[in-house]
Amino acid sequence: MANSRSALKRVLVAERNRIRNKTYKSALRTLMKKYFTALDTYVAEPTPELKQEVLLKMSAAYSKIDKAVKRGVLHENNGARKKSRLAKRLSALTQTAAEG
């Protein structure tokens, strides 16, 4: 346990921040999963409505990633990597759908 009042306070602050960061990361993972499922349904049956839905889900995920980076939940490079993976998956699957 903490030996001083300041150390005790730091323990409480760290726990508060951990819980806040956990909610951001959880919401981010949820949005990314929703994006990937929407993308899979679009690839299975490409329609303009489904493409619009995919783009909306991607936009929501991008927004949450940017907010997490801004608030210090994610490192800037981590956020950039996540956004890159989202875009890369979209381009790879839409290219294969266009070819097939």
Protein backbone atom coordinates (compact mmCIF):
# COMPACT_ATOMS: atom_id res chain seq x y z
CA MET A 1 0.00 0.00 0.00
CA ALA A 2 1.04 3.63 -0.42
CA ASN A 3 3.35 5.07 2.24
CA SER A 4 2.52 8.76 1.85
CA ARG A 5 -0.55 10.85 1.16
CA SER A 6 0.74 11.87 -2.26
CA ALA A 7 1.43 8.25 -3.21
CA LEU A 8 -2.05 7.28 -2.06
CA LYS A 9 -3.50 10.08 -4.16
CA ARG A 10 -1.51 8.90 -7.22
CA VAL A 11 -2.94 5.39 -6.75
CA LEU A 12 -6.47 6.79 -6.81
CA VAL A 13 -5.77 8.98 -9.85
CA ALA A 14 -4.16 6.09 -11.71
CA GLU A 15 -7.18 3.86 -11.04
CA ARG A 16 -9.57 6.57 -12.21
CA ASN A 17 -7.58 7.04 -15.43
CA ARG A 18 -7.36 3.29 -16.00
CA ILE A 19 -11.14 2.96 -15.86
CA ARG A 20 -11.61 5.94 -18.19
CA ASN A 21 -9.08 4.54 -20.67
CA LYS A 22 -10.73 1.11 -20.49
CA THR A 23 -14.10 2.54 -21.57
CA TYR A 24 -12.50 4.31 -24.53
CA LYS A 25 -10.64 1.21 -25.66
CA SER A 26 -13.73 -0.96 -25.27
CA ALA A 27 -15.85 1.44 -27.33
CA LEU A 28 -13.12 1.59 -29.95
CA ARG A 29 -12.94 -2.20 -30.27
CA THR A 30 -16.73 -2.36 -30.56
CA LEU A 31 -16.79 0.20 -33.37
CA MET A 32 -14.00 -1.60 -35.21
CA LYS A 33 -15.86 -4.93 -34.96
CA LYS A 34 -19.05 -3.31 -36.27
CA TYR A 35 -17.05 -1.87 -39.18
CA PHE A 36 -15.52 -5.25 -40.04
CA THR A 37 -18.89 -7.04 -39.95
CA ALA A 38 -20.46 -4.33 -42.14
CA LEU A 39 -17.54 -4.68 -44.53
CA ASP A 40 -17.94 -8.45 -44.71
CA THR A 41 -21.66 -8.14 -45.50
CA TYR A 42 -20.88 -5.56 -48.18
CA VAL A 43 -18.31 -7.84 -49.82
CA ALA A 44 -20.77 -10.75 -49.79
CA GLU A 45 -23.45 -8.67 -51.51
CA PRO A 46 -22.23 -5.28 -52.78
CA THR A 47 -24.98 -2.67 -52.91
CA PRO A 48 -24.75 1.14 -52.70
CA GLU A 49 -26.67 1.14 -49.40
CA LEU A 50 -24.25 -1.31 -47.80
CA LYS A 51 -21.27 0.67 -49.08
CA GLN A 52 -22.72 3.80 -47.48
CA GLU A 53 -23.15 1.91 -44.21
CA VAL A 54 -19.53 0.72 -44.35
CA LEU A 55 -18.31 4.27 -44.89
CA LEU A 56 -20.40 5.53 -41.97
CA LYS A 57 -19.01 2.83 -39.67
CA MET A 58 -15.48 3.65 -40.83
CA SER A 59 -16.06 7.33 -40.12
CA ALA A 60 -17.32 6.55 -36.61
CA ALA A 61 -14.29 4.36 -35.91
CA TYR A 62 -11.92 7.04 -37.23
CA SER A 63 -13.58 9.63 -35.03
CA LYS A 64 -13.28 7.48 -31.90
CA ILE A 65 -9.63 6.71 -32.68
CA ASP A 66 -8.85 10.42 -33.10
CA LYS A 67 -10.60 11.28 -29.83
CA ALA A 68 -8.71 8.55 -27.99
CA VAL A 69 -5.41 9.87 -29.34
CA LYS A 70 -6.35 13.44 -28.43
CA ARG A 71 -7.17 12.44 -24.85
CA GLY A 72 -3.99 10.38 -24.45
CA VAL A 73 -5.67 6.98 -24.27
CA LEU A 74 -3.77 5.80 -27.36
CA HIS A 75 -0.37 6.83 -28.63
CA GLU A 76 -0.44 8.79 -31.88
CA ASN A 77 1.31 6.02 -33.83
CA ASN A 78 -1.06 3.40 -32.41
CA GLY A 79 -4.05 5.43 -33.62
CA ALA A 80 -2.48 5.89 -37.05
CA ARG A 81 -1.82 2.16 -37.29
CA LYS A 82 -5.43 1.30 -36.41
CA LYS A 83 -6.78 3.74 -39.00
CA SER A 84 -4.40 2.37 -41.60
CA ARG A 85 -5.56 -1.19 -40.96
CA LEU A 86 -9.20 -0.13 -41.38
CA ALA A 87 -8.49 1.55 -44.71
CA LYS A 88 -6.25 -1.28 -45.92
CA ARG A 89 -8.94 -3.87 -45.23
CA LEU A 90 -11.52 -1.81 -47.12
CA SER A 91 -9.33 -1.38 -50.18
CA ALA A 92 -8.25 -5.04 -50.22
CA LEU A 93 -11.80 -6.40 -49.96
CA THR A 94 -13.33 -3.96 -52.43
CA GLN A 95 -10.62 -4.77 -54.99
CA THR A 96 -11.29 -8.49 -54.69
CA ALA A 97 -15.05 -7.86 -54.92
CA ALA A 98 -14.54 -5.78 -58.07
CA GLU A 99 -12.37 -8.47 -59.67
CA GLY A 100 -14.68 -11.36 -58.80
